[in-house]
Amino acid sequence: MKGRIYTVSQINSYVRRLFERDAFLSDVFVQGEISNFKLHGSGHIYFTLKDKNAQISCVMFSSYGAGLKFLPENGMKVTVFGGLSLYEKTGQYQLYVRIMEPDGTGALYLAFEQLKEKLRKKGYFEESHKKPIPEYPETIAVLTSPTGAAVRDIISIAGRRDPSVEIVVVPVLVQGELAAESIATAIEDVNLWRGCDLIILGRGGGSIEDLWAFNEEKVARAIYSSRIPIISAVGHETDYTIADFTADLRAATPSAAAEIAIKPRMSSIDRVKGCHTALDRIMTDKLSELKDRLCASADYFASDIMLNMIFDREMYISGLSDRLVSGMENRTERLAARLEKARALLDSLSPLKVLERGYALVTDKSGEPVSSAKGLDRGEDILIRFKDSAALAVVGEIYGEKDI
């Protein structure tokens, strides 16, 4: 074997330099379908781009992937721009993607539809979550550019329709990379302030790129979490944003939002007058109705029917009273008879009655009855009780039953 011998690393390094020196392969557009899509924790994106006859490995580093407005998916047809090179460690050539666009639709439009579907599934657009717009707000916070036409239109309409409504302008960025954060932070700050009844979030119309801040998820989350009702007034009549779907009410323009939020002052006065007239009519009708009922009641109580009814009730109550008295007297007599009978029975059982017949009651010195002489001792003191007196005696002789 003759000739110079190279290592694998040298060969791969040489081939990689061939790729990088080729002007055609360093900047190339490639169209295909995504498969084996994987988003690494580092932010790098790995996928395969294929057509019906071939496939090529692709990588998009996080520095480029962070700029994507949509989330690539398997089966999605895309056009990518980048350069081909060789990964020396594996000897596999791959396309290093710097730009990616979906085929058939713009990246921003696709990102809009993806986020819209995501938030719809989370319930951000549910009518049950939307708060009612106050009919007569006293203070309105307007979140918009302080120099744009939107704020001038809102202030002009407020001054014309009802100057008593206070307009508080909260300056925010409405376009650019920092706009979404500016809007979300302003909504949170106004909620912490709690000094207004309503928020109008608005700006004039523009392209989807101009309005993109209102399609960011962080803005949607801030609107959804707001305790203060929000009217979204972004763009012209044909422009819809994620903010429009999430807000409690969508107005076609900032001017339309002001007209919805602020009722004309004369309209408010007329409404109060109308309410006063309606209340006066209702009270008059109610008083007339009560007066008629009172008169009818007076006529009824003064009629013969009422007098006869009272007489009948009086006779009925009198009969009940007589029955009650009679019943109580009879019951008292029965109870008295039972008491007398019980007293006689108790008297007949009294020991005193026995003494009246000539018997005596013998007790020992402690007062306990003596029923037998066997329990006595000679010389012991005993008490003999007669019907009307008693005698103290001393035991002499004790006799048994047979000695008596």
Protein backbone atom coordinates (compact mmCIF):
# COMPACT_ATOMS: atom_id res chain seq x y z
CA MET A 1 0.00 0.00 0.00
CA LYS A 2 1.56 3.28 -1.13
CA GLY A 3 0.52 6.89 -0.60
CA ARG A 4 -0.12 9.15 2.33
CA ILE A 5 -2.46 7.89 5.04
CA TYR A 6 -5.04 10.28 6.57
CA THR A 7 -7.06 10.08 9.74
CA VAL A 8 -10.84 10.15 9.75
CA SER A 9 -10.75 13.56 11.40
CA GLN A 10 -8.58 14.94 8.63
CA ILE A 11 -10.90 13.64 5.95
CA ASN A 12 -14.00 15.05 7.66
CA SER A 13 -12.29 18.37 8.23
CA TYR A 14 -11.31 18.55 4.57
CA VAL A 15 -14.82 17.75 3.38
CA ARG A 16 -16.26 20.35 5.78
CA ARG A 17 -13.99 23.01 4.26
CA LEU A 18 -15.16 21.98 0.78
CA PHE A 19 -18.74 22.63 1.86
CA GLU A 20 -17.90 25.98 3.40
CA ARG A 21 -15.89 27.19 0.38
CA ASP A 22 -18.74 26.38 -2.01
CA ALA A 23 -20.67 29.63 -2.55
CA PHE A 24 -23.76 27.75 -3.69
CA LEU A 25 -23.97 25.58 -0.56
CA SER A 26 -23.22 28.37 1.94
CA ASP A 27 -26.44 30.32 1.17
CA VAL A 28 -29.23 28.14 -0.13
CA PHE A 29 -33.04 28.01 0.05
CA VAL A 30 -34.47 24.51 0.55
CA GLN A 31 -38.11 23.47 0.52
CA GLY A 32 -39.48 20.35 2.17
CA GLU A 33 -41.61 18.71 4.86
CA ILE A 34 -40.55 18.61 8.53
CA SER A 35 -40.17 15.25 10.27
CA ASN A 36 -38.38 14.03 13.42
CA PHE A 37 -38.86 17.47 14.93
CA LYS A 38 -37.17 17.96 18.33
CA LEU A 39 -36.88 21.12 20.42
CA HIS A 40 -33.89 20.67 22.74
CA GLY A 41 -33.81 22.15 26.24
CA SER A 42 -30.99 24.43 25.11
CA GLY A 43 -33.32 26.01 22.56
CA HIS A 44 -31.65 24.33 19.56
CA ILE A 45 -34.06 22.82 17.01
CA TYR A 46 -33.27 19.53 15.28
CA PHE A 47 -35.37 18.11 12.44
CA THR A 48 -35.29 16.34 9.10
CA LEU A 49 -36.37 18.04 5.89
CA LYS A 50 -37.69 15.64 3.29
CA ASP A 51 -39.49 15.28 -0.01
CA LYS A 52 -40.83 12.10 -1.61
CA ASN A 53 -37.37 11.00 -2.81
CA ALA A 54 -34.81 12.19 -0.24
CA GLN A 55 -34.16 13.78 3.13
CA ILE A 56 -31.56 15.95 4.82
CA SER A 57 -30.74 16.55 8.51
CA CYS A 58 -31.18 20.10 9.73
CA VAL A 59 -30.32 22.09 12.82
CA MET A 60 -31.42 25.57 13.84
CA PHE A 61 -29.47 27.00 16.75
CA SER A 62 -31.29 28.83 19.54
CA SER A 63 -29.93 32.21 18.46
CA TYR A 64 -31.93 31.86 15.23
CA GLY A 65 -34.82 29.79 16.63
CA ALA A 66 -35.67 32.49 19.18
CA GLY A 67 -36.76 34.73 16.33
CA LEU A 68 -39.42 32.31 15.05
CA LYS A 69 -42.96 33.64 15.35
CA PHE A 70 -44.52 30.19 14.96
CA LEU A 71 -43.83 26.71 16.35
CA PRO A 72 -42.67 24.22 13.68
CA GLU A 73 -44.43 20.84 13.70
CA ASN A 74 -43.99 17.45 12.04
CA GLY A 75 -45.71 17.38 8.66
CA MET A 76 -45.44 21.14 8.17
CA LYS A 77 -44.14 22.24 4.78
CA VAL A 78 -41.55 24.98 5.06
CA THR A 79 -38.90 26.85 3.13
CA VAL A 80 -35.63 27.31 4.99
CA PHE A 81 -32.53 29.37 4.30
CA GLY A 82 -29.06 28.43 5.52
CA GLY A 83 -25.79 26.76 4.64
CA LEU A 84 -24.65 23.15 4.27
CA SER A 85 -21.72 21.86 6.25
CA LEU A 86 -20.34 18.65 7.69
CA TYR A 87 -20.56 17.67 11.35
CA GLU A 88 -17.05 16.28 11.74
CA LYS A 89 -17.80 14.13 14.80
CA THR A 90 -20.26 11.90 12.92
CA GLY A 91 -19.24 12.60 9.33
CA GLN A 92 -22.84 13.57 8.57
CA TYR A 93 -23.54 16.61 6.50
CA GLN A 94 -26.49 18.78 7.55
CA LEU A 95 -28.20 22.02 6.77
CA TYR A 96 -27.64 24.78 9.32
CA VAL A 97 -30.88 26.78 9.14
CA ARG A 98 -30.93 30.50 9.80
CA ILE A 99 -34.40 31.42 8.55
CA MET A 100 -37.60 29.34 8.33
CA GLU A 101 -40.93 30.27 6.75
CA PRO A 102 -44.07 28.12 6.45
CA ASP A 103 -45.23 27.42 2.90
CA GLY A 104 -48.59 28.72 1.77
CA THR A 105 -49.01 31.22 4.61
CA GLY A 106 -46.94 33.78 6.46
CA ALA A 107 -45.08 32.93 9.66
CA LEU A 108 -46.92 35.62 11.62
CA TYR A 109 -50.30 34.43 10.42
CA LEU A 110 -49.43 30.85 11.37
CA ALA A 111 -48.19 31.98 14.79
CA PHE A 112 -51.44 33.92 15.22
CA GLU A 113 -53.56 30.86 14.45
CA GLN A 114 -51.44 28.60 16.70
CA LEU A 115 -51.69 30.95 19.69
CA LYS A 116 -55.38 31.55 19.06
CA GLU A 117 -56.09 27.82 19.18
CA LYS A 118 -53.91 27.36 22.28
CA LEU A 119 -55.68 30.12 24.22
CA ARG A 120 -59.11 28.96 23.02
CA LYS A 121 -58.45 25.54 24.57
CA LYS A 122 -57.42 27.25 27.82
CA GLY A 123 -60.75 29.11 27.93
CA TYR A 124 -59.37 32.62 27.40
CA PHE A 125 -62.17 33.49 24.98
CA GLU A 126 -65.10 32.06 26.97
CA GLU A 127 -68.06 34.43 27.33
CA SER A 128 -68.58 33.25 30.91
CA HIS A 129 -65.25 34.80 31.87
CA LYS A 130 -65.92 38.22 30.34
CA LYS A 131 -66.76 41.01 32.76
CA PRO A 132 -69.64 43.47 32.13
CA ILE A 133 -68.70 46.93 30.91
CA PRO A 134 -69.81 49.59 33.44
CA GLU A 135 -72.67 51.66 32.04
CA TYR A 136 -71.50 54.96 33.51
CA PRO A 137 -67.77 54.81 34.32
CA GLU A 138 -66.36 57.73 36.25
CA THR A 139 -62.69 57.13 35.38
CA ILE A 140 -61.27 55.41 32.29
CA ALA A 141 -57.64 54.37 31.87
CA VAL A 142 -56.51 54.58 28.23
CA LEU A 143 -53.50 52.41 27.43
CA THR A 144 -52.01 53.61 24.15
CA SER A 145 -49.24 55.66 22.63
CA PRO A 146 -49.38 59.16 24.14
CA THR A 147 -48.57 60.71 20.76
CA GLY A 148 -50.83 58.66 18.51
CA ALA A 149 -54.16 59.57 16.95
CA ALA A 150 -55.99 57.02 19.14
CA VAL A 151 -55.54 58.95 22.37
CA ARG A 152 -56.54 62.25 20.73
CA ASP A 153 -59.72 60.66 19.35
CA ILE A 154 -60.69 59.18 22.74
CA ILE A 155 -60.09 62.45 24.62
CA SER A 156 -62.04 64.42 22.00
CA ILE A 157 -65.04 62.09 22.12
CA ALA A 158 -65.02 62.00 25.93
CA GLY A 159 -65.02 65.80 26.12
CA ARG A 160 -67.88 66.03 23.67
CA ARG A 161 -70.07 63.28 25.12
CA ASP A 162 -69.51 63.74 28.88
CA PRO A 163 -66.75 66.03 30.23
CA SER A 164 -67.31 64.70 33.77
CA VAL A 165 -65.68 61.38 32.82
CA GLU A 166 -62.01 61.43 33.82
CA ILE A 167 -59.58 60.09 31.20
CA VAL A 168 -56.23 58.83 32.54
CA VAL A 169 -53.69 58.20 29.76
CA VAL A 170 -51.23 55.40 30.54
CA PRO A 171 -48.41 55.61 27.96
CA VAL A 172 -47.36 52.27 26.45
CA LEU A 173 -45.37 51.11 23.46
CA VAL A 174 -47.75 49.84 20.79
CA GLN A 175 -45.20 48.57 18.26
CA GLY A 176 -41.83 46.85 18.35
CA GLU A 177 -40.11 44.12 20.31
CA LEU A 178 -40.66 45.77 23.71
CA ALA A 179 -44.32 46.66 23.13
CA ALA A 180 -45.86 43.43 24.47
CA GLU A 181 -43.99 43.72 27.77
CA SER A 182 -44.93 47.40 28.02
CA ILE A 183 -48.64 46.67 27.49
CA ALA A 184 -48.76 43.69 29.89
CA THR A 185 -46.97 45.65 32.62
CA ALA A 186 -49.31 48.64 32.21
CA ILE A 187 -52.40 46.44 32.59
CA GLU A 188 -50.97 44.93 35.78
CA ASP A 189 -50.06 48.38 37.14
CA VAL A 190 -53.56 49.78 36.51
CA ASN A 191 -55.06 46.79 38.34
CA LEU A 192 -52.78 47.47 41.30
CA TRP A 193 -53.78 51.14 41.21
CA ARG A 194 -57.55 50.35 41.21
CA GLY A 195 -58.34 53.96 40.46
CA CYS A 196 -60.47 53.41 37.34
CA ASP A 197 -63.67 51.64 36.36
CA LEU A 198 -62.66 50.66 32.82
CA ILE A 199 -59.58 50.17 30.64
CA ILE A 200 -59.43 50.97 26.93
CA LEU A 201 -56.48 49.31 25.19
CA GLY A 202 -56.03 50.80 21.75
CA ARG A 203 -53.98 51.91 18.79
CA GLY A 204 -54.60 52.69 15.16
CA GLY A 205 -54.57 50.17 12.35
CA GLY A 206 -51.59 48.68 10.62
CA SER A 207 -50.09 45.56 9.15
CA ILE A 208 -49.94 42.29 11.07
CA GLU A 209 -46.32 43.14 11.85
CA ASP A 210 -47.34 46.54 13.25
CA LEU A 211 -50.07 45.02 15.41
CA TRP A 212 -48.06 42.00 16.51
CA ALA A 213 -47.60 43.17 20.13
CA PHE A 214 -51.36 42.65 20.60
CA ASN A 215 -50.98 39.03 19.45
CA GLU A 216 -48.43 38.11 22.13
CA GLU A 217 -49.38 35.55 24.80
CA LYS A 218 -48.14 37.74 27.66
CA VAL A 219 -50.60 40.48 26.65
CA ALA A 220 -53.44 37.94 26.45
CA ARG A 221 -52.57 36.66 29.93
CA ALA A 222 -52.58 40.18 31.37
CA ILE A 223 -55.99 40.93 29.80
CA TYR A 224 -57.42 37.61 30.98
CA SER A 225 -56.16 38.19 34.56
CA SER A 226 -57.37 41.81 34.78
CA ARG A 227 -60.00 42.46 37.45
CA ILE A 228 -60.97 45.69 35.67
CA PRO A 229 -63.06 45.33 32.47
CA ILE A 230 -61.09 45.93 29.27
CA ILE A 231 -62.27 47.16 25.86
CA SER A 232 -59.84 46.21 23.10
CA ALA A 233 -59.73 48.82 20.33
CA VAL A 234 -56.86 47.76 18.10
CA GLY A 235 -56.67 48.56 14.40
CA HIS A 236 -59.40 49.15 11.87
CA GLU A 237 -62.66 47.27 11.49
CA THR A 238 -61.16 44.31 9.59
CA ASP A 239 -58.19 43.82 11.94
CA TYR A 240 -58.62 41.21 14.70
CA THR A 241 -55.95 40.44 17.28
CA ILE A 242 -55.59 37.98 20.15
CA ALA A 243 -56.24 40.94 22.46
CA ASP A 244 -59.63 41.45 20.76
CA PHE A 245 -60.65 37.83 21.43
CA THR A 246 -59.46 37.93 25.07
CA ALA A 247 -60.84 41.34 26.08
CA ASP A 248 -64.26 41.75 27.69
CA LEU A 249 -65.44 43.72 24.65
CA ARG A 250 -63.97 44.47 21.22
CA ALA A 251 -64.40 47.82 19.52
CA ALA A 252 -63.54 48.32 15.86
CA THR A 253 -61.52 51.47 16.53
CA PRO A 254 -60.40 53.59 19.51
CA SER A 255 -63.10 56.11 18.59
CA ALA A 256 -65.74 53.38 18.66
CA ALA A 257 -64.45 52.25 22.08
CA ALA A 258 -64.88 55.79 23.46
CA GLU A 259 -68.43 56.00 22.10
CA ILE A 260 -69.29 52.62 23.66
CA ALA A 261 -67.78 53.49 27.03
CA ILE A 262 -69.04 57.06 27.41
CA LYS A 263 -72.76 57.82 27.18
CA PRO A 264 -73.72 61.35 26.03
CA ARG A 265 -74.30 63.69 28.96
CA MET A 266 -77.73 64.79 27.71
CA SER A 267 -78.62 61.15 27.30
CA SER A 268 -77.76 60.61 30.97
CA ILE A 269 -79.92 63.58 32.04
CA ASP A 270 -82.80 62.38 29.89
CA ARG A 271 -82.42 58.92 31.38
CA VAL A 272 -82.63 60.32 34.91
CA LYS A 273 -85.69 62.36 33.97
CA GLY A 274 -87.29 59.31 32.39
CA CYS A 275 -86.58 57.25 35.50
CA HIS A 276 -88.07 60.01 37.68
CA THR A 277 -91.23 60.16 35.53
CA ALA A 278 -91.57 56.37 35.53
CA LEU A 279 -91.05 56.21 39.30
CA ASP A 280 -93.61 58.98 39.87
CA ARG A 281 -96.15 57.13 37.72
CA ILE A 282 -95.50 53.83 39.51
CA MET A 283 -95.87 55.45 42.95
CA THR A 284 -99.09 57.22 41.91
CA ASP A 285 -100.59 53.99 40.60
CA LYS A 286 -99.51 52.09 43.72
CA LEU A 287 -100.97 54.71 46.07
CA SER A 288 -104.23 54.71 44.10
CA GLU A 289 -104.40 50.94 44.31
CA LEU A 290 -103.76 50.95 48.09
CA LYS A 291 -106.37 53.69 48.59
CA ASP A 292 -108.96 51.64 46.73
CA ARG A 293 -108.12 48.57 48.79
CA LEU A 294 -108.36 50.58 52.02
CA CYS A 295 -111.77 51.98 51.06
CA ALA A 296 -113.02 48.54 50.10
CA SER A 297 -111.79 47.16 53.43
CA ALA A 298 -113.55 49.96 55.37
CA ASP A 299 -116.81 49.31 53.53
CA TYR A 300 -116.47 45.61 54.20
CA PHE A 301 -115.85 46.00 57.95
CA ALA A 302 -118.80 48.41 58.25
CA SER A 303 -121.22 46.11 56.39
CA ASP A 304 -123.95 43.88 57.92
CA ILE A 305 -122.01 40.87 56.76
CA MET A 306 -119.06 41.82 58.95
CA LEU A 307 -121.32 42.68 61.92
CA ASN A 308 -123.14 39.36 61.65
CA MET A 309 -119.84 37.57 61.40
CA ILE A 310 -118.58 39.34 64.55
CA PHE A 311 -121.85 38.46 66.38
CA ASP A 312 -121.53 34.81 65.34
CA ARG A 313 -117.92 34.71 66.51
CA GLU A 314 -118.90 36.37 69.79
CA MET A 315 -121.63 33.77 70.43
CA TYR A 316 -119.21 30.99 69.55
CA ILE A 317 -116.55 32.34 71.96
CA SER A 318 -119.17 32.80 74.71
CA GLY A 319 -120.25 29.16 74.33
CA LEU A 320 -116.64 28.04 74.50
CA SER A 321 -116.16 30.11 77.69
CA ASP A 322 -119.23 28.55 79.38
CA ARG A 323 -118.04 25.08 78.42
CA LEU A 324 -114.59 25.82 79.78
CA VAL A 325 -115.93 27.09 83.14
CA SER A 326 -118.31 24.14 83.50
CA GLY A 327 -115.56 21.70 82.62
CA MET A 328 -113.18 23.23 85.15
CA GLU A 329 -115.83 23.11 87.92
CA ASN A 330 -116.62 19.45 87.23
CA ARG A 331 -112.99 18.53 87.18
CA THR A 332 -112.36 20.40 90.43
CA GLU A 333 -115.24 18.50 92.13
CA ARG A 334 -113.91 15.15 90.93
CA LEU A 335 -110.41 15.94 92.15
CA ALA A 336 -111.78 17.08 95.57
CA ALA A 337 -113.70 13.81 95.97
CA ARG A 338 -110.61 11.78 95.12
CA LEU A 339 -108.59 13.80 97.62
CA GLU A 340 -111.14 13.19 100.40
CA LYS A 341 -111.19 9.48 99.70
CA ALA A 342 -107.37 9.33 99.80
CA ARG A 343 -107.36 11.33 103.08
CA ALA A 344 -109.81 8.90 104.69
CA LEU A 345 -107.78 5.90 103.56
CA LEU A 346 -104.57 7.45 104.87
CA ASP A 347 -106.26 8.28 108.20
CA SER A 348 -107.48 4.72 108.62
CA LEU A 349 -103.99 3.41 108.17
CA SER A 350 -102.48 5.85 110.73
CA PRO A 351 -100.93 4.23 113.86
CA LEU A 352 -102.75 6.81 115.99
CA LYS A 353 -106.07 5.20 115.12
CA VAL A 354 -104.75 1.90 116.47
CA LEU A 355 -103.80 3.59 119.77
CA GLU A 356 -107.34 4.92 120.13
CA ARG A 357 -108.55 1.36 120.35
CA GLY A 358 -106.47 0.68 123.50
CA TYR A 359 -103.22 -0.46 121.98
CA ALA A 360 -99.79 1.03 122.87
CA LEU A 361 -96.62 1.56 120.89
CA VAL A 362 -93.33 0.42 122.50
CA THR A 363 -89.97 1.92 121.36
CA ASP A 364 -86.43 1.51 122.68
CA LYS A 365 -84.37 4.43 123.99
CA SER A 366 -83.27 5.25 120.39
CA GLY A 367 -86.90 5.51 119.22
CA GLU A 368 -86.96 2.31 117.18
CA PRO A 369 -90.22 0.27 117.51
CA VAL A 370 -89.90 -2.90 119.61
CA SER A 371 -91.81 -5.77 118.03
CA SER A 372 -90.49 -8.57 120.33
CA ALA A 373 -89.34 -8.80 123.96
CA LYS A 374 -86.54 -11.08 122.89
CA GLY A 375 -84.53 -8.06 121.82
CA LEU A 376 -84.73 -6.40 125.24
CA ASP A 377 -82.55 -6.70 128.31
CA ARG A 378 -83.62 -6.54 131.99
CA GLY A 379 -83.25 -3.08 133.36
CA GLU A 380 -83.42 -1.48 129.89
CA ASP A 381 -85.42 1.71 129.48
CA ILE A 382 -88.38 1.62 127.09
CA LEU A 383 -91.01 4.19 126.05
CA ILE A 384 -94.65 3.20 125.98
CA ARG A 385 -96.88 5.50 123.91
CA PHE A 386 -100.64 5.62 124.39
CA LYS A 387 -103.22 7.54 122.33
CA ASP A 388 -102.88 10.74 124.32
CA SER A 389 -99.65 10.31 126.37
CA ALA A 390 -96.49 8.27 126.93
CA ALA A 391 -94.74 6.55 129.86
CA LEU A 392 -91.10 5.67 130.50
CA ALA A 393 -90.66 2.12 131.90
CA VAL A 394 -87.87 -0.23 132.93
CA VAL A 395 -87.84 -3.86 131.77
CA GLY A 396 -88.21 -6.23 134.71
CA GLU A 397 -88.92 -9.75 133.66
CA ILE A 398 -88.95 -11.07 130.07
CA TYR A 399 -91.42 -13.82 129.23
CA GLY A 400 -91.54 -16.11 126.27
CA GLU A 401 -94.69 -16.82 124.24
CA LYS A 402 -95.42 -19.99 126.18
CA ASP A 403 -95.12 -18.22 129.54
CA ILE A 404 -97.89 -15.77 128.73
